[in-house]
């Protein structure tokens, strides 16, 4: 049975319009889940421009 030599850590989500999502900047939890409230607060203007009129 073939086993991988090392397990890769999941990659953090990225979106070009919003920059990087990392634990260090508070946009991800340690398990790499998006902190929606932090993202909504930080990128409110960009979100409004995308979805607002």
N, C-alpha and C. Protein backbone atom coordinates (compact mmCIF):
# COMPACT_ATOMS: atom_id res chain seq x y z
N UNK A 1 0.85 -1.18 0.00
CA UNK A 1 0.00 0.00 0.00
C UNK A 1 0.89 1.24 0.00
N UNK A 2 0.57 2.18 -0.86
CA UNK A 2 1.37 3.40 -0.99
C UNK A 2 0.89 4.46 0.00
N UNK A 3 1.82 5.05 0.73
CA UNK A 3 1.50 6.13 1.66
C UNK A 3 2.24 7.39 1.25
N UNK A 4 1.60 8.55 1.38
CA UNK A 4 2.33 9.78 1.08
C UNK A 4 3.43 10.01 2.11
N UNK A 5 4.53 10.57 1.68
CA UNK A 5 5.65 10.82 2.60
C UNK A 5 5.31 11.87 3.64
N UNK A 6 4.56 12.86 3.24
CA UNK A 6 4.16 13.90 4.19
C UNK A 6 2.76 14.37 3.85
N UNK A 7 2.06 14.77 4.84
CA UNK A 7 0.72 15.29 4.61
C UNK A 7 0.81 16.79 4.42
N UNK A 8 0.10 17.29 3.44
CA UNK A 8 0.11 18.71 3.17
C UNK A 8 -0.96 19.40 4.00
N UNK A 9 -0.61 20.56 4.51
CA UNK A 9 -1.58 21.35 5.26
C UNK A 9 -2.55 21.99 4.27
N UNK A 10 -3.83 22.03 4.60
CA UNK A 10 -4.79 22.67 3.69
C UNK A 10 -4.40 24.12 3.44
N UNK A 11 -4.64 24.59 2.24
CA UNK A 11 -4.29 25.96 1.90
C UNK A 11 -5.41 26.90 2.31
N UNK A 12 -5.04 28.09 2.70
CA UNK A 12 -6.00 29.11 3.10
C UNK A 12 -6.70 29.67 1.86
N UNK A 13 -7.99 29.98 1.98
CA UNK A 13 -8.70 30.57 0.86
C UNK A 13 -8.11 31.93 0.51
N UNK A 14 -8.10 32.24 -0.77
CA UNK A 14 -7.61 33.54 -1.21
C UNK A 14 -8.57 34.09 -2.26
N UNK A 15 -8.70 35.36 -2.25
CA UNK A 15 -9.50 36.03 -3.27
C UNK A 15 -8.73 37.27 -3.68
N UNK A 16 -8.45 37.43 -4.95
CA UNK A 16 -7.65 38.54 -5.43
C UNK A 16 -8.20 39.91 -5.02
N UNK A 17 -9.49 40.06 -4.99
CA UNK A 17 -10.08 41.35 -4.66
C UNK A 17 -9.94 41.69 -3.18
N UNK A 18 -9.79 40.67 -2.34
CA UNK A 18 -9.79 40.90 -0.91
C UNK A 18 -8.45 40.64 -0.23
N UNK A 19 -7.46 40.17 -0.93
CA UNK A 19 -6.17 39.90 -0.31
C UNK A 19 -6.14 38.51 0.30
N UNK A 20 -5.14 38.28 1.15
CA UNK A 20 -4.98 36.96 1.76
C UNK A 20 -5.79 36.83 3.04
N UNK A 21 -6.29 35.63 3.24
CA UNK A 21 -6.97 35.27 4.47
C UNK A 21 -6.01 34.42 5.27
N UNK A 22 -5.59 34.88 6.44
CA UNK A 22 -4.65 34.13 7.27
C UNK A 22 -5.11 34.17 8.72
N UNK A 23 -4.54 33.28 9.52
CA UNK A 23 -4.80 33.32 10.96
C UNK A 23 -4.23 34.60 11.56
N UNK A 24 -3.07 35.00 11.07
CA UNK A 24 -2.37 36.16 11.61
C UNK A 24 -3.18 37.45 11.46
N UNK A 25 -3.90 37.61 10.35
CA UNK A 25 -4.67 38.83 10.19
C UNK A 25 -6.10 38.70 10.73
N UNK A 26 -6.41 37.57 11.35
CA UNK A 26 -7.69 37.41 12.03
C UNK A 26 -8.86 37.00 11.15
N UNK A 27 -8.59 36.66 9.89
CA UNK A 27 -9.69 36.30 9.00
C UNK A 27 -9.96 34.81 8.96
N UNK A 28 -9.07 34.00 9.54
CA UNK A 28 -9.25 32.55 9.60
C UNK A 28 -9.10 32.05 11.03
N UNK A 29 -9.82 30.99 11.34
CA UNK A 29 -9.65 30.29 12.61
C UNK A 29 -8.46 29.35 12.49
N UNK A 30 -7.98 28.77 13.60
CA UNK A 30 -6.88 27.82 13.51
C UNK A 30 -7.18 26.61 12.63
N UNK A 31 -8.45 26.27 12.46
CA UNK A 31 -8.81 25.15 11.59
C UNK A 31 -9.12 25.61 10.16
N UNK A 32 -8.70 26.85 9.84
CA UNK A 32 -8.82 27.45 8.50
C UNK A 32 -10.25 27.68 8.04
N UNK A 33 -11.12 27.94 8.98
CA UNK A 33 -12.48 28.34 8.63
C UNK A 33 -12.52 29.87 8.58
N UNK A 34 -13.32 30.40 7.67
CA UNK A 34 -13.40 31.84 7.50
C UNK A 34 -14.20 32.45 8.65
N UNK A 35 -13.65 33.51 9.24
CA UNK A 35 -14.37 34.27 10.27
C UNK A 35 -15.23 35.30 9.54
N UNK A 36 -16.47 34.96 9.31
CA UNK A 36 -17.34 35.76 8.46
C UNK A 36 -17.55 37.17 8.99
N UNK A 37 -17.71 37.32 10.29
CA UNK A 37 -17.93 38.64 10.86
C UNK A 37 -16.71 39.53 10.64
N UNK A 38 -15.51 39.00 10.81
CA UNK A 38 -14.28 39.77 10.59
C UNK A 38 -14.14 40.17 9.12
N UNK A 39 -14.46 39.25 8.21
CA UNK A 39 -14.37 39.55 6.78
C UNK A 39 -15.40 40.61 6.40
N UNK A 40 -16.61 40.46 6.89
CA UNK A 40 -17.67 41.42 6.58
C UNK A 40 -17.32 42.81 7.10
N UNK A 41 -16.77 42.88 8.29
CA UNK A 41 -16.39 44.17 8.87
C UNK A 41 -15.24 44.80 8.10
N UNK A 42 -14.21 44.02 7.82
CA UNK A 42 -13.01 44.57 7.16
C UNK A 42 -13.28 44.98 5.71
N UNK A 43 -14.11 44.23 4.99
CA UNK A 43 -14.31 44.47 3.57
C UNK A 43 -15.72 44.96 3.26
N UNK A 44 -16.32 45.71 4.17
CA UNK A 44 -17.69 46.20 3.98
C UNK A 44 -17.84 47.03 2.71
N UNK A 45 -16.89 47.92 2.45
CA UNK A 45 -16.99 48.79 1.27
C UNK A 45 -16.91 47.98 -0.02
N UNK A 46 -15.99 47.02 -0.07
CA UNK A 46 -15.84 46.19 -1.26
C UNK A 46 -17.07 45.32 -1.51
N UNK A 47 -17.64 44.77 -0.42
CA UNK A 47 -18.83 43.95 -0.54
C UNK A 47 -20.01 44.79 -1.02
N UNK A 48 -20.13 46.00 -0.48
CA UNK A 48 -21.20 46.90 -0.91
C UNK A 48 -21.05 47.26 -2.39
N UNK A 49 -19.82 47.48 -2.84
CA UNK A 49 -19.59 47.81 -4.25
C UNK A 49 -19.96 46.65 -5.16
N UNK A 50 -19.70 45.42 -4.71
CA UNK A 50 -20.01 44.25 -5.51
C UNK A 50 -21.51 43.97 -5.57
N UNK A 51 -22.20 44.09 -4.43
CA UNK A 51 -23.59 43.67 -4.36
C UNK A 51 -24.57 44.83 -4.24
N UNK A 52 -24.09 45.99 -3.85
CA UNK A 52 -24.96 47.15 -3.70
C UNK A 52 -25.25 47.79 -5.04
N UNK A 53 -26.08 48.80 -5.02
CA UNK A 53 -26.45 49.41 -6.29
C UNK A 53 -25.71 50.61 -6.58
